[in-house]
Amino acid sequence: MAKTDTLHIRVEPSVKKRAEETLNELGLSITEAINVFLNQVILNDGIPFEIRKPRFNKETIQAIKDTENGRKLSKTFDTVDEMFEELDN
């Protein structure tokens, strides 16, 4: 077995839990995923994915989550014209 070093990192418990759930579905442990990530950093000579600000603000993200969870938005419109009229006010 190859000699290994130990990394100590701090993450929010909810992030760790959600990442473990996703990685388990992929058949990976967090240790394996970190090793994949670090090897990709080496191969790409940098972060192996694009990092940028979210496209949506917090309110929009919450509205998207609400509709995905079956909640209705607080205001609905019968026509696009009604919506634009409201936006103009």
PDB file of N, CA and C in Angstrom:
ATOM      1  N   MET A   1       0.848  -1.185   0.000  1.00  0.00           N
ATOM      2  CA  MET A   1       0.000   0.000   0.000  1.00  0.00           C
ATOM      3  C   MET A   1       0.889   1.242   0.000  1.00  0.00           C
ATOM      4  N   ALA A   2       0.486   2.240  -0.751  1.00  0.00           N
ATOM      5  CA  ALA A   2       1.247   3.479  -0.847  1.00  0.00           C
ATOM      6  C   ALA A   2       1.188   4.244   0.466  1.00  0.00           C
ATOM      7  N   LYS A   3       2.261   4.950   0.736  1.00  0.00           N
ATOM      8  CA  LYS A   3       2.308   5.797   1.916  1.00  0.00           C
ATOM      9  C   LYS A   3       1.289   6.924   1.741  1.00  0.00           C
ATOM     10  N   THR A   4       0.608   7.303   2.801  1.00  0.00           N
ATOM     11  CA  THR A   4      -0.411   8.347   2.700  1.00  0.00           C
ATOM     12  C   THR A   4      -0.162   9.453   3.713  1.00  0.00           C
ATOM     13  N   ASP A   5      -0.695  10.638   3.429  1.00  0.00           N
ATOM     14  CA  ASP A   5      -0.716  11.753   4.362  1.00  0.00           C
ATOM     15  C   ASP A   5      -2.157  11.943   4.813  1.00  0.00           C
ATOM     16  N   THR A   6      -2.320  12.632   5.916  1.00  0.00           N
ATOM     17  CA  THR A   6      -3.645  12.902   6.449  1.00  0.00           C
ATOM     18  C   THR A   6      -3.978  14.371   6.263  1.00  0.00           C
ATOM     19  N   LEU A   7      -5.192  14.633   5.787  1.00  0.00           N
ATOM     20  CA  LEU A   7      -5.704  15.998   5.685  1.00  0.00           C
ATOM     21  C   LEU A   7      -6.761  16.180   6.762  1.00  0.00           C
ATOM     22  N   HIS A   8      -6.742  17.310   7.416  1.00  0.00           N
ATOM     23  CA  HIS A   8      -7.793  17.657   8.372  1.00  0.00           C
ATOM     24  C   HIS A   8      -8.515  18.862   7.798  1.00  0.00           C
ATOM     25  N   ILE A   9      -9.792  18.701   7.520  1.00  0.00           N
ATOM     26  CA  ILE A   9     -10.564  19.803   6.961  1.00  0.00           C
ATOM     27  C   ILE A   9     -11.817  20.017   7.798  1.00  0.00           C
ATOM     28  N   ARG A  10     -12.323  21.224   7.751  1.00  0.00           N
ATOM     29  CA  ARG A  10     -13.561  21.543   8.463  1.00  0.00           C
ATOM     30  C   ARG A  10     -14.648  21.835   7.435  1.00  0.00           C
ATOM     31  N   VAL A  11     -15.780  21.199   7.609  1.00  0.00           N
ATOM     32  CA  VAL A  11     -16.935  21.436   6.741  1.00  0.00           C
ATOM     33  C   VAL A  11     -18.190  21.482   7.607  1.00  0.00           C
ATOM     34  N   GLU A  12     -19.193  22.140   7.107  1.00  0.00           N
ATOM     35  CA  GLU A  12     -20.467  22.177   7.822  1.00  0.00           C
ATOM     36  C   GLU A  12     -21.047  20.770   7.852  1.00  0.00           C
ATOM     37  N   PRO A  13     -21.602  20.354   8.994  1.00  0.00           N
ATOM     38  CA  PRO A  13     -22.149  18.996   9.103  1.00  0.00           C
ATOM     39  C   PRO A  13     -23.185  18.672   8.033  1.00  0.00           C
ATOM     40  N   SER A  14     -24.047  19.629   7.691  1.00  0.00           N
ATOM     41  CA  SER A  14     -25.076  19.350   6.686  1.00  0.00           C
ATOM     42  C   SER A  14     -24.458  19.145   5.303  1.00  0.00           C
ATOM     43  N   VAL A  15     -23.386  19.871   5.002  1.00  0.00           N
ATOM     44  CA  VAL A  15     -22.699  19.705   3.716  1.00  0.00           C
ATOM     45  C   VAL A  15     -22.065  18.323   3.653  1.00  0.00           C
ATOM     46  N   LYS A  16     -21.410  17.935   4.749  1.00  0.00           N
ATOM     47  CA  LYS A  16     -20.777  16.613   4.798  1.00  0.00           C
ATOM     48  C   LYS A  16     -21.807  15.505   4.607  1.00  0.00           C
ATOM     49  N   LYS A  17     -22.930  15.621   5.314  1.00  0.00           N
ATOM     50  CA  LYS A  17     -23.970  14.599   5.228  1.00  0.00           C
ATOM     51  C   LYS A  17     -24.512  14.484   3.807  1.00  0.00           C
ATOM     52  N   ARG A  18     -24.834  15.617   3.194  1.00  0.00           N
ATOM     53  CA  ARG A  18     -25.389  15.598   1.838  1.00  0.00           C
ATOM     54  C   ARG A  18     -24.368  15.073   0.828  1.00  0.00           C
ATOM     55  N   ALA A  19     -23.108  15.460   0.999  1.00  0.00           N
ATOM     56  CA  ALA A  19     -22.061  14.976   0.095  1.00  0.00           C
ATOM     57  C   ALA A  19     -21.881  13.471   0.253  1.00  0.00           C
ATOM     58  N   GLU A  20     -21.881  12.988   1.490  1.00  0.00           N
ATOM     59  CA  GLU A  20     -21.745  11.540   1.720  1.00  0.00           C
ATOM     60  C   GLU A  20     -22.887  10.770   1.071  1.00  0.00           C
ATOM     61  N   GLU A  21     -24.105  11.291   1.182  1.00  0.00           N
ATOM     62  CA  GLU A  21     -25.258  10.619   0.578  1.00  0.00           C
ATOM     63  C   GLU A  21     -25.091  10.520  -0.936  1.00  0.00           C
ATOM     64  N   THR A  22     -24.700  11.626  -1.555  1.00  0.00           N
ATOM     65  CA  THR A  22     -24.515  11.645  -3.007  1.00  0.00           C
ATOM     66  C   THR A  22     -23.379  10.720  -3.415  1.00  0.00           C
ATOM     67  N   LEU A  23     -22.257  10.821  -2.713  1.00  0.00           N
ATOM     68  CA  LEU A  23     -21.095   9.996  -3.053  1.00  0.00           C
ATOM     69  C   LEU A  23     -21.377   8.509  -2.846  1.00  0.00           C
ATOM     70  N   ASN A  24     -22.121   8.177  -1.800  1.00  0.00           N
ATOM     71  CA  ASN A  24     -22.491   6.772  -1.572  1.00  0.00           C
ATOM     72  C   ASN A  24     -23.285   6.217  -2.743  1.00  0.00           C
ATOM     73  N   GLU A  25     -24.191   7.049  -3.307  1.00  0.00           N
ATOM     74  CA  GLU A  25     -24.960   6.624  -4.466  1.00  0.00           C
ATOM     75  C   GLU A  25     -24.050   6.382  -5.672  1.00  0.00           C
ATOM     76  N   LEU A  26     -22.926   7.071  -5.705  1.00  0.00           N
ATOM     77  CA  LEU A  26     -21.952   6.910  -6.788  1.00  0.00           C
ATOM     78  C   LEU A  26     -20.929   5.817  -6.489  1.00  0.00           C
ATOM     79  N   GLY A  27     -21.018   5.233  -5.289  1.00  0.00           N
ATOM     80  CA  GLY A  27     -20.085   4.174  -4.907  1.00  0.00           C
ATOM     81  C   GLY A  27     -18.733   4.693  -4.446  1.00  0.00           C
ATOM     82  N   LEU A  28     -18.708   5.949  -3.977  1.00  0.00           N
ATOM     83  CA  LEU A  28     -17.449   6.550  -3.529  1.00  0.00           C
ATOM     84  C   LEU A  28     -17.542   6.982  -2.070  1.00  0.00           C
ATOM     85  N   SER A  29     -16.409   6.913  -1.390  1.00  0.00           N
ATOM     86  CA  SER A  29     -16.315   7.492  -0.052  1.00  0.00           C
ATOM     87  C   SER A  29     -15.828   8.929  -0.209  1.00  0.00           C
ATOM     88  N   ILE A  30     -15.912   9.689   0.857  1.00  0.00           N
ATOM     89  CA  ILE A  30     -15.388  11.069   0.800  1.00  0.00           C
ATOM     90  C   ILE A  30     -13.891  11.036   0.525  1.00  0.00           C
ATOM     91  N   THR A  31     -13.171  10.119   1.138  1.00  0.00           N
ATOM     92  CA  THR A  31     -11.724  10.010   0.908  1.00  0.00           C
ATOM     93  C   THR A  31     -11.428   9.751  -0.566  1.00  0.00           C
ATOM     94  N   GLU A  32     -12.162   8.821  -1.168  1.00  0.00           N
ATOM     95  CA  GLU A  32     -11.951   8.533  -2.596  1.00  0.00           C
ATOM     96  C   GLU A  32     -12.281   9.749  -3.456  1.00  0.00           C
ATOM     97  N   ALA A  33     -13.362  10.444  -3.117  1.00  0.00           N
ATOM     98  CA  ALA A  33     -13.759  11.628  -3.892  1.00  0.00           C
ATOM     99  C   ALA A  33     -12.705  12.730  -3.779  1.00  0.00           C
ATOM    100  N   ILE A  34     -12.159  12.919  -2.593  1.00  0.00           N
ATOM    101  CA  ILE A  34     -11.105  13.933  -2.408  1.00  0.00           C
ATOM    102  C   ILE A  34      -9.878  13.558  -3.227  1.00  0.00           C
ATOM    103  N   ASN A  35      -9.531  12.274  -3.238  1.00  0.00           N
ATOM    104  CA  ASN A  35      -8.392  11.834  -4.054  1.00  0.00           C
ATOM    105  C   ASN A  35      -8.646  12.058  -5.541  1.00  0.00           C
ATOM    106  N   VAL A  36      -9.858  11.784  -6.004  1.00  0.00           N
ATOM    107  CA  VAL A  36     -10.215  12.051  -7.400  1.00  0.00           C
ATOM    108  C   VAL A  36     -10.063  13.545  -7.677  1.00  0.00           C
ATOM    109  N   PHE A  37     -10.611  14.374  -6.788  1.00  0.00           N
ATOM    110  CA  PHE A  37     -10.536  15.820  -6.958  1.00  0.00           C
ATOM    111  C   PHE A  37      -9.075  16.288  -7.035  1.00  0.00           C
ATOM    112  N   LEU A  38      -8.247  15.862  -6.101  1.00  0.00           N
ATOM    113  CA  LEU A  38      -6.852  16.310  -6.068  1.00  0.00           C
ATOM    114  C   LEU A  38      -6.086  15.850  -7.312  1.00  0.00           C
ATOM    115  N   ASN A  39      -6.369  14.638  -7.777  1.00  0.00           N
ATOM    116  CA  ASN A  39      -5.723  14.185  -9.013  1.00  0.00           C
ATOM    117  C   ASN A  39      -6.185  14.999 -10.216  1.00  0.00           C
ATOM    118  N   GLN A  40      -7.451  15.396 -10.233  1.00  0.00           N
ATOM    119  CA  GLN A  40      -7.945  16.245 -11.310  1.00  0.00           C
ATOM    120  C   GLN A  40      -7.326  17.643 -11.251  1.00  0.00           C
ATOM    121  N   VAL A  41      -7.083  18.155 -10.052  1.00  0.00           N
ATOM    122  CA  VAL A  41      -6.379  19.443  -9.903  1.00  0.00           C
ATOM    123  C   VAL A  41      -5.012  19.341 -10.570  1.00  0.00           C
ATOM    124  N   ILE A  42      -4.318  18.244 -10.318  1.00  0.00           N
ATOM    125  CA  ILE A  42      -2.992  18.037 -10.914  1.00  0.00           C
ATOM    126  C   ILE A  42      -3.104  17.938 -12.433  1.00  0.00           C
ATOM    127  N   LEU A  43      -4.020  17.116 -12.921  1.00  0.00           N
ATOM    128  CA  LEU A  43      -4.165  16.916 -14.366  1.00  0.00           C
ATOM    129  C   LEU A  43      -4.580  18.190 -15.099  1.00  0.00           C
ATOM    130  N   ASN A  44      -5.431  19.012 -14.455  1.00  0.00           N
ATOM    131  CA  ASN A  44      -5.926  20.238 -15.076  1.00  0.00           C
ATOM    132  C   ASN A  44      -5.056  21.456 -14.765  1.00  0.00           C
ATOM    133  N   ASP A  45      -4.071  21.259 -13.905  1.00  0.00           N
ATOM    134  CA  ASP A  45      -3.217  22.362 -13.467  1.00  0.00           C
ATOM    135  C   ASP A  45      -4.067  23.497 -12.895  1.00  0.00           C
ATOM    136  N   GLY A  46      -5.091  23.128 -12.145  1.00  0.00           N
ATOM    137  CA  GLY A  46      -6.002  24.093 -11.527  1.00  0.00           C
ATOM    138  C   GLY A  46      -7.282  23.406 -11.106  1.00  0.00           C
ATOM    139  N   ILE A  47      -8.240  24.211 -10.684  1.00  0.00           N
ATOM    140  CA  ILE A  47      -9.539  23.671 -10.283  1.00  0.00           C
ATOM    141  C   ILE A  47     -10.196  23.032 -11.508  1.00  0.00           C
ATOM    142  N   PRO A  48     -10.679  21.791 -11.396  1.00  0.00           N
ATOM    143  CA  PRO A  48     -11.183  21.075 -12.575  1.00  0.00           C
ATOM    144  C   PRO A  48     -12.627  21.402 -12.972  1.00  0.00           C
ATOM    145  N   PHE A  49     -13.132  22.533 -12.526  1.00  0.00           N
ATOM    146  CA  PHE A  49     -14.475  22.965 -12.913  1.00  0.00           C
ATOM    147  C   PHE A  49     -14.551  24.476 -12.787  1.00  0.00           C
ATOM    148  N   GLU A  50     -15.564  25.040 -13.423  1.00  0.00           N
ATOM    149  CA  GLU A  50     -15.739  26.485 -13.405  1.00  0.00           C
ATOM    150  C   GLU A  50     -16.310  26.922 -12.057  1.00  0.00           C
ATOM    151  N   ILE A  51     -15.776  28.009 -11.526  1.00  0.00           N
ATOM    152  CA  ILE A  51     -16.287  28.580 -10.281  1.00  0.00           C
ATOM    153  C   ILE A  51     -16.816  29.973 -10.613  1.00  0.00           C
ATOM    154  N   ARG A  52     -18.089  30.195 -10.285  1.00  0.00           N
ATOM    155  CA  ARG A  52     -18.674  31.508 -10.550  1.00  0.00           C
ATOM    156  C   ARG A  52     -19.827  31.761  -9.590  1.00  0.00           C
ATOM    157  N   LYS A  53     -20.267  32.996  -9.560  1.00  0.00           N
ATOM    158  CA  LYS A  53     -21.379  33.375  -8.698  1.00  0.00           C
ATOM    159  C   LYS A  53     -22.659  32.711  -9.198  1.00  0.00           C
ATOM    160  N   PRO A  54     -23.599  32.433  -8.277  1.00  0.00           N
ATOM    161  CA  PRO A  54     -24.884  31.887  -8.703  1.00  0.00           C
ATOM    162  C   PRO A  54     -25.605  32.870  -9.633  1.00  0.00           C
ATOM    163  N   ARG A  55     -26.364  32.332 -10.563  1.00  0.00           N
ATOM    164  CA  ARG A  55     -27.098  33.177 -11.507  1.00  0.00           C
ATOM    165  C   ARG A  55     -28.300  33.844 -10.863  1.00  0.00           C
ATOM    166  N   PHE A  56     -28.815  33.267  -9.789  1.00  0.00           N
ATOM    167  CA  PHE A  56     -30.049  33.760  -9.200  1.00  0.00           C
ATOM    168  C   PHE A  56     -29.811  34.270  -7.785  1.00  0.00           C
ATOM    169  N   ASN A  57     -30.627  35.238  -7.367  1.00  0.00           N
ATOM    170  CA  ASN A  57     -30.526  35.721  -5.990  1.00  0.00           C
ATOM    171  C   ASN A  57     -31.250  34.751  -5.049  1.00  0.00           C
ATOM    172  N   LYS A  58     -31.134  34.989  -3.754  1.00  0.00           N
ATOM    173  CA  LYS A  58     -31.703  34.065  -2.767  1.00  0.00           C
ATOM    174  C   LYS A  58     -33.217  33.917  -2.909  1.00  0.00           C
ATOM    175  N   GLU A  59     -33.903  35.019  -3.212  1.00  0.00           N
ATOM    176  CA  GLU A  59     -35.357  34.962  -3.352  1.00  0.00           C
ATOM    177  C   GLU A  59     -35.767  34.089  -4.536  1.00  0.00           C
ATOM    178  N   THR A  60     -35.065  34.218  -5.644  1.00  0.00           N
ATOM    179  CA  THR A  60     -35.380  33.418  -6.823  1.00  0.00           C
ATOM    180  C   THR A  60     -35.105  31.943  -6.558  1.00  0.00           C
ATOM    181  N   ILE A  61     -33.977  31.656  -5.927  1.00  0.00           N
ATOM    182  CA  ILE A  61     -33.637  30.268  -5.591  1.00  0.00           C
ATOM    183  C   ILE A  61     -34.697  29.667  -4.678  1.00  0.00           C
ATOM    184  N   GLN A  62     -35.174  30.451  -3.693  1.00  0.00           N
ATOM    185  CA  GLN A  62     -36.213  29.956  -2.790  1.00  0.00           C
ATOM    186  C   GLN A  62     -37.507  29.696  -3.543  1.00  0.00           C
ATOM    187  N   ALA A  63     -37.858  30.578  -4.479  1.00  0.00           N
ATOM    188  CA  ALA A  63     -39.077  30.385  -5.272  1.00  0.00           C
ATOM    189  C   ALA A  63     -38.976  29.116  -6.113  1.00  0.00           C
ATOM    190  N   ILE A  64     -37.806  28.868  -6.684  1.00  0.00           N
ATOM    191  CA  ILE A  64     -37.598  27.652  -7.470  1.00  0.00           C
ATOM    192  C   ILE A  64     -37.763  26.418  -6.582  1.00  0.00           C
ATOM    193  N   LYS A  65     -37.154  26.448  -5.400  1.00  0.00           N
ATOM    194  CA  LYS A  65     -37.270  25.319  -4.468  1.00  0.00           C
ATOM    195  C   LYS A  65     -38.718  25.115  -4.044  1.00  0.00           C
ATOM    196  N   ASP A  66     -39.424  26.228  -3.786  1.00  0.00           N
ATOM    197  CA  ASP A  66     -40.824  26.125  -3.372  1.00  0.00           C
ATOM    198  C   ASP A  66     -41.664  25.437  -4.438  1.00  0.00           C
ATOM    199  N   THR A  67     -41.484  25.833  -5.692  1.00  0.00           N
ATOM    200  CA  THR A  67     -42.279  25.212  -6.753  1.00  0.00           C
ATOM    201  C   THR A  67     -41.882  23.756  -6.964  1.00  0.00           C
ATOM    202  N   GLU A  68     -40.602  23.436  -6.805  1.00  0.00           N
ATOM    203  CA  GLU A  68     -40.169  22.038  -6.931  1.00  0.00           C
ATOM    204  C   GLU A  68     -40.779  21.177  -5.833  1.00  0.00           C
ATOM    205  N   ASN A  69     -41.014  21.786  -4.668  1.00  0.00           N
ATOM    206  CA  ASN A  69     -41.597  21.053  -3.543  1.00  0.00           C
ATOM    207  C   ASN A  69     -43.124  21.102  -3.548  1.00  0.00           C
ATOM    208  N   GLY A  70     -43.711  21.602  -4.638  1.00  0.00           N
ATOM    209  CA  GLY A  70     -45.156  21.608  -4.768  1.00  0.00           C
ATOM    210  C   GLY A  70     -45.853  22.794  -4.142  1.00  0.00           C
ATOM    211  N   ARG A  71     -45.100  23.753  -3.625  1.00  0.00           N
ATOM    212  CA  ARG A  71     -45.727  24.939  -3.041  1.00  0.00           C
ATOM    213  C   ARG A  71     -46.071  25.924  -4.141  1.00  0.00           C
ATOM    214  N   LYS A  72     -47.180  26.578  -3.971  1.00  0.00           N
ATOM    215  CA  LYS A  72     -47.578  27.579  -4.948  1.00  0.00           C
ATOM    216  C   LYS A  72     -46.930  28.913  -4.598  1.00  0.00           C
ATOM    217  N   LEU A  73     -46.612  29.677  -5.605  1.00  0.00           N
ATOM    218  CA  LEU A  73     -46.061  31.008  -5.380  1.00  0.00           C
ATOM    219  C   LEU A  73     -47.132  31.888  -4.757  1.00  0.00           C
ATOM    220  N   SER A  74     -46.700  32.912  -4.043  1.00  0.00           N
ATOM    221  CA  SER A  74     -47.650  33.765  -3.337  1.00  0.00           C
ATOM    222  C   SER A  74     -48.536  34.555  -4.294  1.00  0.00           C
ATOM    223  N   LYS A  75     -48.065  34.778  -5.515  1.00  0.00           N
ATOM    224  CA  LYS A  75     -48.858  35.530  -6.476  1.00  0.00           C
ATOM    225  C   LYS A  75     -48.763  34.850  -7.830  1.00  0.00           C
ATOM    226  N   THR A  76     -49.904  34.644  -8.431  1.00  0.00           N
ATOM    227  CA  THR A  76     -49.925  34.058  -9.762  1.00  0.00           C
ATOM    228  C   THR A  76     -50.694  34.990 -10.693  1.00  0.00           C
ATOM    229  N   PHE A  77     -50.519  34.799 -11.974  1.00  0.00           N
ATOM    230  CA  PHE A  77     -51.149  35.642 -12.979  1.00  0.00           C
ATOM    231  C   PHE A  77     -51.838  34.751 -14.011  1.00  0.00           C
ATOM    232  N   ASP A  78     -52.939  35.258 -14.542  1.00  0.00           N
ATOM    233  CA  ASP A  78     -53.660  34.516 -15.573  1.00  0.00           C
ATOM    234  C   ASP A  78     -53.052  34.720 -16.954  1.00  0.00           C
ATOM    235  N   THR A  79     -52.406  35.871 -17.136  1.00  0.00           N
ATOM    236  CA  THR A  79     -51.795  36.152 -18.434  1.00  0.00           C
ATOM    237  C   THR A  79     -50.428  36.780 -18.233  1.00  0.00           C
ATOM    238  N   VAL A  80     -49.625  36.723 -19.264  1.00  0.00           N
ATOM    239  CA  VAL A  80     -48.301  37.356 -19.229  1.00  0.00           C
ATOM    240  C   VAL A  80     -48.457  38.870 -19.116  1.00  0.00           C
ATOM    241  N   ASP A  81     -49.473  39.409 -19.769  1.00  0.00           N
ATOM    242  CA  ASP A  81     -49.709  40.857 -19.706  1.00  0.00           C
ATOM    243  C   ASP A  81     -49.967  41.310 -18.267  1.00  0.00           C
ATOM    244  N   GLU A  82     -50.738  40.528 -17.502  1.00  0.00           N
ATOM    245  CA  GLU A  82     -50.969  40.850 -16.096  1.00  0.00           C
ATOM    246  C   GLU A  82     -49.668  40.866 -15.312  1.00  0.00           C
ATOM    247  N   MET A  83     -48.824  39.894 -15.580  1.00  0.00           N
ATOM    248  CA  MET A  83     -47.550  39.820 -14.889  1.00  0.00           C
ATOM    249  C   MET A  83     -46.691  41.051 -15.185  1.00  0.00           C
ATOM    250  N   PHE A  84     -46.595  41.415 -16.462  1.00  0.00           N
ATOM    251  CA  PHE A  84     -45.781  42.574 -16.816  1.00  0.00           C
ATOM    252  C   PHE A  84     -46.372  43.867 -16.270  1.00  0.00           C
ATOM    253  N   GLU A  85     -47.674  43.947 -16.197  1.00  0.00           N
ATOM    254  CA  GLU A  85     -48.321  45.126 -15.620  1.00  0.00           C
ATOM    255  C   GLU A  85     -47.936  45.255 -14.150  1.00  0.00           C
ATOM    256  N   GLU A  86     -47.940  44.140 -13.434  1.00  0.00           N
ATOM    257  CA  GLU A  86     -47.539  44.126 -12.027  1.00  0.00           C
ATOM    258  C   GLU A  86     -46.066  44.511 -11.874  1.00  0.00           C
ATOM    259  N   LEU A  87     -45.231  44.023 -12.750  1.00  0.00           N
ATOM    260  CA  LEU A  87     -43.805  44.335 -12.685  1.00  0.00           C
ATOM    261  C   LEU A  87     -43.522  45.807 -12.940  1.00  0.00           C
ATOM    262  N   ASP A  88     -44.355  46.431 -13.751  1.00  0.00           N
ATOM    263  CA  ASP A  88     -44.170  47.852 -14.060  1.00  0.00           C
ATOM    264  C   ASP A  88     -44.553  48.754 -12.888  1.00  0.00           C
ATOM    265  N   ASN A  89     -45.357  48.232 -11.958  1.00  0.00           N
ATOM    266  CA  ASN A  89     -45.804  49.054 -10.804  1.00  0.00           C
ATOM    267  C   ASN A  89     -44.800  49.084  -9.698  1.00  0.00           C
TER     268      ASN A  89
END
